[in-house]
Amino acid sequence: MKSIENGMGTWLAVFDHNGELAGSISHRPNLMPIYSILEENGDAIIENSDSVVAEIDMDEEIVEKVVYLCQKHNKKLFGVVSNMNIAIERKDLLKQFDCLICNQLESSILFSRDFKEISAEELSHTLIDELQQSEFHSLIVTLGEAGSLYVKNNGESGFCQARQIEVKDTTGAGDAFCAGTSAGLTYGKSMLEAMKIGSHLASSVIASCENVCPCFSQDKFDIVKK
């Protein structure tokens, strides 16, 4: 474990009374030590991984290195976004990801479109067109209490209903969804099956005052680790 000064940066998020993000500020840490680690040990790290989930808005050199190593070792690469305004400057890199995972607002920023008032079905058709024009492989978009959807470059799409639960705190739900979905896709699940796993993990976070989901066995989701 490599430790550096101010390694976590400074973060502040403000939520409204409905638990939705109202505003945030951040001071990102210096992430370049990660690049040094990848230079020294990247082959061993990626070769021994089943798949990789990368934050797209890290320093561009780091993302490029991760993309290169995943292609070299034939590993699936999934992308998640913290700052879409940075990510949209790297559309050539986004083409190299097997799947991008974002929320509805982030998808609006990515494609410079307003998706706020359209239905999930209309959004799917629109996103397929955008995906094909951008030459991205696939995209998963979370829609809050409305559920989530996926689209692929080949025109395939699908919708996953949200689980009906009592909401206590939404903190960490997006990360849990990404973790569950990525795990499903890593171990052979279809897009829809993987999203259902992600939805299950996200709902377990939302129903708790904790911002991490409880531990689940692989058997619960019929996941067979390679």
C-alpha atoms as a PDB file:
ATOM      1  CA  MET A   1       0.000   0.000   0.000  1.00  0.00           C
ATOM      2  CA  LYS A   2       1.606   3.258  -1.123  1.00  0.00           C
ATOM      3  CA  SER A   3       1.006   6.259   1.143  1.00  0.00           C
ATOM      4  CA  ILE A   4       1.473   9.884   0.065  1.00  0.00           C
ATOM      5  CA  GLU A   5       0.675  13.183   1.752  1.00  0.00           C
ATOM      6  CA  ASN A   6      -2.921  14.367   1.158  1.00  0.00           C
ATOM      7  CA  GLY A   7      -3.508  11.188  -0.809  1.00  0.00           C
ATOM      8  CA  MET A   8      -7.282  11.381  -0.455  1.00  0.00           C
ATOM      9  CA  GLY A   9      -7.653  15.036  -1.437  1.00  0.00           C
ATOM     10  CA  THR A  10     -10.461  17.180   0.000  1.00  0.00           C
ATOM     11  CA  TRP A  11     -14.130  16.549  -0.795  1.00  0.00           C
ATOM     12  CA  LEU A  12     -17.452  18.138   0.216  1.00  0.00           C
ATOM     13  CA  ALA A  13     -20.875  17.044  -1.000  1.00  0.00           C
ATOM     14  CA  VAL A  14     -24.166  18.790  -0.145  1.00  0.00           C
ATOM     15  CA  PHE A  15     -27.442  16.844  -0.392  1.00  0.00           C
ATOM     16  CA  ASP A  16     -31.008  18.190  -0.387  1.00  0.00           C
ATOM     17  CA  HIS A  17     -33.847  16.915   1.827  1.00  0.00           C
ATOM     18  CA  ASN A  18     -34.598  14.153  -0.688  1.00  0.00           C
ATOM     19  CA  GLY A  19     -31.055  12.839  -0.481  1.00  0.00           C
ATOM     20  CA  GLU A  20     -30.138  14.100  -3.949  1.00  0.00           C
ATOM     21  CA  LEU A  21     -26.804  15.795  -4.633  1.00  0.00           C
ATOM     22  CA  ALA A  22     -27.304  19.581  -4.597  1.00  0.00           C
ATOM     23  CA  GLY A  23     -23.684  20.654  -4.955  1.00  0.00           C
ATOM     24  CA  SER A  24     -20.102  19.628  -4.364  1.00  0.00           C
ATOM     25  CA  ILE A  25     -16.563  20.922  -4.293  1.00  0.00           C
ATOM     26  CA  SER A  26     -13.322  19.009  -4.472  1.00  0.00           C
ATOM     27  CA  HIS A  27      -9.578  19.375  -4.396  1.00  0.00           C
ATOM     28  CA  ARG A  28      -8.160  16.381  -6.210  1.00  0.00           C
ATOM     29  CA  PRO A  29      -5.029  14.730  -4.878  1.00  0.00           C
ATOM     30  CA  ASN A  30      -1.900  14.156  -6.939  1.00  0.00           C
ATOM     31  CA  LEU A  31      -2.620  10.798  -8.575  1.00  0.00           C
ATOM     32  CA  MET A  32       0.585  10.510 -10.588  1.00  0.00           C
ATOM     33  CA  PRO A  33       2.189   8.068  -8.096  1.00  0.00           C
ATOM     34  CA  ILE A  34      -0.344   5.595  -9.530  1.00  0.00           C
ATOM     35  CA  TYR A  35       1.354   6.011 -12.904  1.00  0.00           C
ATOM     36  CA  SER A  36       4.706   5.149 -11.338  1.00  0.00           C
ATOM     37  CA  ILE A  37       3.198   1.989  -9.852  1.00  0.00           C
ATOM     38  CA  LEU A  38       1.783   1.005 -13.251  1.00  0.00           C
ATOM     39  CA  GLU A  39       5.156   1.629 -14.874  1.00  0.00           C
ATOM     40  CA  GLU A  40       6.897  -0.612 -12.370  1.00  0.00           C
ATOM     41  CA  ASN A  41       4.296  -3.301 -11.667  1.00  0.00           C
ATOM     42  CA  GLY A  42       1.453  -2.705 -14.132  1.00  0.00           C
ATOM     43  CA  ASP A  43       1.957  -5.904 -16.123  1.00  0.00           C
ATOM     44  CA  ALA A  44       1.749  -8.088 -13.035  1.00  0.00           C
ATOM     45  CA  ILE A  45      -1.217  -6.161 -11.608  1.00  0.00           C
ATOM     46  CA  ILE A  46      -3.333  -6.272 -14.771  1.00  0.00           C
ATOM     47  CA  GLU A  47      -2.324  -9.789 -15.821  1.00  0.00           C
ATOM     48  CA  ASN A  48      -3.539 -11.126 -12.480  1.00  0.00           C
ATOM     49  CA  SER A  49      -6.811  -9.155 -12.571  1.00  0.00           C
ATOM     50  CA  ASP A  50     -10.073 -10.617 -13.867  1.00  0.00           C
ATOM     51  CA  SER A  51     -11.126  -7.180 -15.137  1.00  0.00           C
ATOM     52  CA  VAL A  52     -10.405  -3.508 -14.459  1.00  0.00           C
ATOM     53  CA  VAL A  53     -12.651  -0.622 -13.412  1.00  0.00           C
ATOM     54  CA  ALA A  54     -11.037   2.767 -14.011  1.00  0.00           C
ATOM     55  CA  GLU A  55     -12.125   6.286 -13.164  1.00  0.00           C
ATOM     56  CA  ILE A  56     -12.005   7.997 -16.555  1.00  0.00           C
ATOM     57  CA  ASP A  57     -11.213  11.479 -15.266  1.00  0.00           C
ATOM     58  CA  MET A  58      -7.900  10.514 -13.657  1.00  0.00           C
ATOM     59  CA  ASP A  59      -4.782  12.034 -15.158  1.00  0.00           C
ATOM     60  CA  GLU A  60      -4.774  11.222 -18.865  1.00  0.00           C
ATOM     61  CA  GLU A  61      -1.388   9.478 -18.690  1.00  0.00           C
ATOM     62  CA  ILE A  62      -2.768   7.065 -16.089  1.00  0.00           C
ATOM     63  CA  VAL A  63      -5.886   6.270 -18.127  1.00  0.00           C
ATOM     64  CA  GLU A  64      -3.817   5.727 -21.270  1.00  0.00           C
ATOM     65  CA  LYS A  65      -1.528   3.354 -19.375  1.00  0.00           C
ATOM     66  CA  VAL A  66      -4.478   1.370 -17.995  1.00  0.00           C
ATOM     67  CA  VAL A  67      -6.022   1.108 -21.476  1.00  0.00           C
ATOM     68  CA  TYR A  68      -2.722  -0.085 -22.928  1.00  0.00           C
ATOM     69  CA  LEU A  69      -2.207  -2.726 -20.234  1.00  0.00           C
ATOM     70  CA  CYS A  70      -5.777  -4.030 -20.504  1.00  0.00           C
ATOM     71  CA  GLN A  71      -5.419  -4.412 -24.263  1.00  0.00           C
ATOM     72  CA  LYS A  72      -2.011  -6.052 -23.850  1.00  0.00           C
ATOM     73  CA  HIS A  73      -3.351  -8.632 -21.398  1.00  0.00           C
ATOM     74  CA  ASN A  74      -6.832  -8.945 -22.969  1.00  0.00           C
ATOM     75  CA  LYS A  75      -8.758  -7.775 -19.885  1.00  0.00           C
ATOM     76  CA  LYS A  76     -12.208  -6.201 -19.858  1.00  0.00           C
ATOM     77  CA  LEU A  77     -12.112  -2.506 -18.997  1.00  0.00           C
ATOM     78  CA  PHE A  78     -15.056  -0.693 -17.425  1.00  0.00           C
ATOM     79  CA  GLY A  79     -15.195   3.067 -16.948  1.00  0.00           C
ATOM     80  CA  VAL A  80     -16.836   5.136 -14.226  1.00  0.00           C
ATOM     81  CA  VAL A  81     -16.890   8.936 -14.082  1.00  0.00           C
ATOM     82  CA  SER A  82     -16.513  11.501 -11.314  1.00  0.00           C
ATOM     83  CA  ASN A  83     -16.147  14.563 -13.550  1.00  0.00           C
ATOM     84  CA  MET A  84     -17.774  14.146 -16.960  1.00  0.00           C
ATOM     85  CA  ASN A  85     -16.508  17.551 -18.106  1.00  0.00           C
ATOM     86  CA  ILE A  86     -13.003  16.081 -18.036  1.00  0.00           C
ATOM     87  CA  ALA A  87     -14.093  12.774 -19.559  1.00  0.00           C
ATOM     88  CA  ILE A  88     -15.662  14.348 -22.660  1.00  0.00           C
ATOM     89  CA  GLU A  89     -12.237  15.686 -23.639  1.00  0.00           C
ATOM     90  CA  ARG A  90     -11.054  12.063 -23.927  1.00  0.00           C
ATOM     91  CA  LYS A  91     -13.596  10.525 -26.297  1.00  0.00           C
ATOM     92  CA  ASP A  92     -10.867   8.706 -28.215  1.00  0.00           C
ATOM     93  CA  LEU A  93      -9.900   6.958 -24.989  1.00  0.00           C
ATOM     94  CA  LEU A  94     -13.527   6.164 -24.152  1.00  0.00           C
ATOM     95  CA  LYS A  95     -13.724   4.098 -27.350  1.00  0.00           C
ATOM     96  CA  GLN A  96     -11.285   1.660 -25.763  1.00  0.00           C
ATOM     97  CA  PHE A  97     -13.548   0.846 -22.796  1.00  0.00           C
ATOM     98  CA  ASP A  98     -15.777  -2.235 -22.933  1.00  0.00           C
ATOM     99  CA  CYS A  99     -18.521  -0.410 -21.029  1.00  0.00           C
ATOM    100  CA  LEU A 100     -19.057   3.043 -19.535  1.00  0.00           C
ATOM    101  CA  ILE A 101     -21.238   3.454 -16.438  1.00  0.00           C
ATOM    102  CA  CYS A 102     -22.771   6.837 -15.594  1.00  0.00           C
ATOM    103  CA  ASN A 103     -25.977   8.506 -14.431  1.00  0.00           C
ATOM    104  CA  GLN A 104     -28.551  10.342 -16.548  1.00  0.00           C
ATOM    105  CA  LEU A 105     -27.081  13.798 -15.923  1.00  0.00           C
ATOM    106  CA  GLU A 106     -23.599  12.595 -16.819  1.00  0.00           C
ATOM    107  CA  SER A 107     -24.883  11.066 -20.064  1.00  0.00           C
ATOM    108  CA  SER A 108     -26.401  14.462 -20.934  1.00  0.00           C
ATOM    109  CA  ILE A 109     -23.014  16.115 -20.428  1.00  0.00           C
ATOM    110  CA  LEU A 110     -21.197  13.382 -22.365  1.00  0.00           C
ATOM    111  CA  PHE A 111     -23.328  13.835 -25.479  1.00  0.00           C
ATOM    112  CA  SER A 112     -24.199  17.549 -25.007  1.00  0.00           C
ATOM    113  CA  ARG A 113     -27.927  16.733 -24.910  1.00  0.00           C
ATOM    114  CA  ASP A 114     -30.702  17.376 -22.391  1.00  0.00           C
ATOM    115  CA  PHE A 115     -32.074  13.973 -21.346  1.00  0.00           C
ATOM    116  CA  LYS A 116     -33.889  15.205 -18.257  1.00  0.00           C
ATOM    117  CA  GLU A 117     -37.500  15.048 -19.454  1.00  0.00           C
ATOM    118  CA  ILE A 118     -37.496  12.111 -21.896  1.00  0.00           C
ATOM    119  CA  SER A 119     -38.740   8.576 -21.207  1.00  0.00           C
ATOM    120  CA  ALA A 120     -36.430   5.619 -20.719  1.00  0.00           C
ATOM    121  CA  GLU A 121     -37.512   4.170 -24.077  1.00  0.00           C
ATOM    122  CA  GLU A 122     -36.803   7.406 -25.933  1.00  0.00           C
ATOM    123  CA  LEU A 123     -33.520   7.775 -24.081  1.00  0.00           C
ATOM    124  CA  SER A 124     -32.476   4.284 -25.186  1.00  0.00           C
ATOM    125  CA  HIS A 125     -33.094   5.069 -28.873  1.00  0.00           C
ATOM    126  CA  THR A 126     -31.261   8.390 -28.592  1.00  0.00           C
ATOM    127  CA  LEU A 127     -28.300   6.864 -26.775  1.00  0.00           C
ATOM    128  CA  ILE A 128     -27.914   4.112 -29.374  1.00  0.00           C
ATOM    129  CA  ASP A 129     -27.553   6.782 -32.070  1.00  0.00           C
ATOM    130  CA  GLU A 130     -25.056   8.708 -29.939  1.00  0.00           C
ATOM    131  CA  LEU A 131     -23.141   5.544 -29.125  1.00  0.00           C
ATOM    132  CA  GLN A 132     -22.803   4.575 -32.769  1.00  0.00           C
ATOM    133  CA  GLN A 133     -21.689   8.051 -33.791  1.00  0.00           C
ATOM    134  CA  SER A 134     -19.134   8.144 -30.980  1.00  0.00           C
ATOM    135  CA  GLU A 135     -18.003   4.544 -31.670  1.00  0.00           C
ATOM    136  CA  PHE A 136     -18.333   3.593 -27.987  1.00  0.00           C
ATOM    137  CA  HIS A 137     -18.921  -0.105 -27.250  1.00  0.00           C
ATOM    138  CA  SER A 138     -21.656   0.015 -24.616  1.00  0.00           C
ATOM    139  CA  LEU A 139     -23.149   2.324 -22.016  1.00  0.00           C
ATOM    140  CA  ILE A 140     -25.093   1.790 -18.787  1.00  0.00           C
ATOM    141  CA  VAL A 141     -27.079   4.731 -17.420  1.00  0.00           C
ATOM    142  CA  THR A 142     -28.618   4.844 -13.948  1.00  0.00           C
ATOM    143  CA  LEU A 143     -31.952   6.673 -13.698  1.00  0.00           C
ATOM    144  CA  GLY A 144     -32.375   6.947  -9.935  1.00  0.00           C
ATOM    145  CA  GLU A 145     -35.683   5.575  -8.681  1.00  0.00           C
ATOM    146  CA  ALA A 146     -36.702   4.848 -12.305  1.00  0.00           C
ATOM    147  CA  GLY A 147     -34.079   2.104 -12.594  1.00  0.00           C
ATOM    148  CA  SER A 148     -31.297   1.800 -15.153  1.00  0.00           C
ATOM    149  CA  LEU A 149     -30.814   1.021 -18.825  1.00  0.00           C
ATOM    150  CA  TYR A 150     -28.114  -0.205 -21.152  1.00  0.00           C
ATOM    151  CA  VAL A 151     -27.377   0.325 -24.818  1.00  0.00           C
ATOM    152  CA  LYS A 152     -24.851  -1.328 -27.130  1.00  0.00           C
ATOM    153  CA  ASN A 153     -23.218  -0.170 -30.327  1.00  0.00           C
ATOM    154  CA  ASN A 154     -25.004  -2.972 -32.219  1.00  0.00           C
ATOM    155  CA  GLY A 155     -28.414  -1.481 -31.359  1.00  0.00           C
ATOM    156  CA  GLU A 156     -29.236  -3.785 -28.459  1.00  0.00           C
ATOM    157  CA  SER A 157     -30.787  -2.187 -25.374  1.00  0.00           C
ATOM    158  CA  GLY A 158     -32.533  -3.148 -22.148  1.00  0.00           C
ATOM    159  CA  PHE A 159     -34.102  -1.746 -18.991  1.00  0.00           C
ATOM    160  CA  CYS A 160     -33.766  -2.797 -15.349  1.00  0.00           C
ATOM    161  CA  GLN A 161     -36.430  -1.789 -12.834  1.00  0.00           C
ATOM    162  CA  ALA A 162     -35.289  -0.257  -9.552  1.00  0.00           C
ATOM    163  CA  ARG A 163     -35.884  -2.290  -6.400  1.00  0.00           C
ATOM    164  CA  GLN A 164     -38.654  -0.918  -4.172  1.00  0.00           C
ATOM    165  CA  ILE A 165     -37.097  -0.155  -0.799  1.00  0.00           C
ATOM    166  CA  GLU A 166     -37.221   2.439   1.963  1.00  0.00           C
ATOM    167  CA  VAL A 167     -34.594   5.071   1.222  1.00  0.00           C
ATOM    168  CA  LYS A 168     -32.414   6.050   4.188  1.00  0.00           C
ATOM    169  CA  ASP A 169     -29.237   7.422   2.584  1.00  0.00           C
ATOM    170  CA  THR A 170     -28.171   7.387  -1.082  1.00  0.00           C
ATOM    171  CA  THR A 171     -24.460   7.922  -0.322  1.00  0.00           C
ATOM    172  CA  GLY A 172     -22.390   5.222  -2.008  1.00  0.00           C
ATOM    173  CA  ALA A 173     -25.245   3.813  -4.104  1.00  0.00           C
ATOM    174  CA  GLY A 174     -23.594   4.687  -7.414  1.00  0.00           C
ATOM    175  CA  ASP A 175     -20.324   3.020  -6.423  1.00  0.00           C
ATOM    176  CA  ALA A 176     -22.181  -0.084  -5.241  1.00  0.00           C
ATOM    177  CA  PHE A 177     -24.132  -0.265  -8.518  1.00  0.00           C
ATOM    178  CA  CYS A 178     -20.906   0.046 -10.509  1.00  0.00           C
ATOM    179  CA  ALA A 179     -19.206  -2.658  -8.418  1.00  0.00           C
ATOM    180  CA  GLY A 180     -22.058  -5.145  -8.778  1.00  0.00           C
ATOM    181  CA  THR A 181     -22.550  -4.500 -12.474  1.00  0.00           C
ATOM    182  CA  SER A 182     -18.841  -4.751 -13.253  1.00  0.00           C
ATOM    183  CA  ALA A 183     -18.579  -8.007 -11.282  1.00  0.00           C
ATOM    184  CA  GLY A 184     -21.483  -9.476 -13.221  1.00  0.00           C
ATOM    185  CA  LEU A 185     -20.012  -8.489 -16.587  1.00  0.00           C
ATOM    186  CA  THR A 186     -16.603  -9.801 -15.537  1.00  0.00           C
ATOM    187  CA  TYR A 187     -17.922 -13.274 -14.785  1.00  0.00           C
ATOM    188  CA  GLY A 188     -20.103 -13.864 -17.815  1.00  0.00           C
ATOM    189  CA  LYS A 189     -23.459 -12.321 -16.941  1.00  0.00           C
ATOM    190  CA  SER A 190     -25.515 -10.538 -19.582  1.00  0.00           C
ATOM    191  CA  MET A 191     -25.868  -6.756 -19.383  1.00  0.00           C
ATOM    192  CA  LEU A 192     -29.317  -7.064 -17.827  1.00  0.00           C
ATOM    193  CA  GLU A 193     -28.262  -9.734 -15.337  1.00  0.00           C
ATOM    194  CA  ALA A 194     -25.235  -7.648 -14.330  1.00  0.00           C
ATOM    195  CA  MET A 195     -27.398  -4.540 -13.838  1.00  0.00           C
ATOM    196  CA  LYS A 196     -29.727  -6.525 -11.567  1.00  0.00           C
ATOM    197  CA  ILE A 197     -26.732  -7.433  -9.398  1.00  0.00           C
ATOM    198  CA  GLY A 198     -25.694  -3.766  -9.376  1.00  0.00           C
ATOM    199  CA  SER A 199     -29.232  -2.729  -8.450  1.00  0.00           C
ATOM    200  CA  HIS A 200     -29.297  -5.249  -5.590  1.00  0.00           C
ATOM    201  CA  LEU A 201     -26.036  -3.914  -4.148  1.00  0.00           C
ATOM    202  CA  ALA A 202     -27.112  -0.275  -4.605  1.00  0.00           C
ATOM    203  CA  SER A 203     -30.450  -0.908  -2.863  1.00  0.00           C
ATOM    204  CA  SER A 204     -28.655  -2.492   0.086  1.00  0.00           C
ATOM    205  CA  VAL A 205     -26.697   0.762   0.496  1.00  0.00           C
ATOM    206  CA  ILE A 206     -29.728   3.020   0.078  1.00  0.00           C
ATOM    207  CA  ALA A 207     -31.681   1.052   2.703  1.00  0.00           C
ATOM    208  CA  SER A 208     -28.889   1.567   5.240  1.00  0.00           C
ATOM    209  CA  CYS A 209     -27.357   4.567   6.961  1.00  0.00           C
ATOM    210  CA  GLU A 210     -23.955   3.123   6.019  1.00  0.00           C
ATOM    211  CA  ASN A 211     -22.341   4.105   2.720  1.00  0.00           C
ATOM    212  CA  VAL A 212     -21.051   0.614   1.902  1.00  0.00           C
ATOM    213  CA  CYS A 213     -23.090  -2.459   1.067  1.00  0.00           C
ATOM    214  CA  PRO A 214     -23.049  -5.591   3.208  1.00  0.00           C
ATOM    215  CA  CYS A 215     -20.899  -8.516   2.082  1.00  0.00           C
ATOM    216  CA  PHE A 216     -22.641 -10.931  -0.271  1.00  0.00           C
ATOM    217  CA  SER A 217     -21.367 -14.356  -1.233  1.00  0.00           C
ATOM    218  CA  GLN A 218     -20.717 -15.069  -4.893  1.00  0.00           C
ATOM    219  CA  ASP A 219     -23.280 -17.867  -4.691  1.00  0.00           C
ATOM    220  CA  LYS A 220     -26.084 -15.377  -4.049  1.00  0.00           C
ATOM    221  CA  PHE A 221     -25.647 -13.985  -7.543  1.00  0.00           C
ATOM    222  CA  ASP A 222     -24.490 -17.219  -9.186  1.00  0.00           C
ATOM    223  CA  ILE A 223     -21.097 -15.692  -9.930  1.00  0.00           C
ATOM    224  CA  VAL A 224     -18.339 -18.160 -10.765  1.00  0.00           C
ATOM    225  CA  LYS A 225     -14.906 -16.593 -10.347  1.00  0.00           C
ATOM    226  CA  LYS A 226     -12.439 -17.507 -13.089  1.00  0.00           C
END
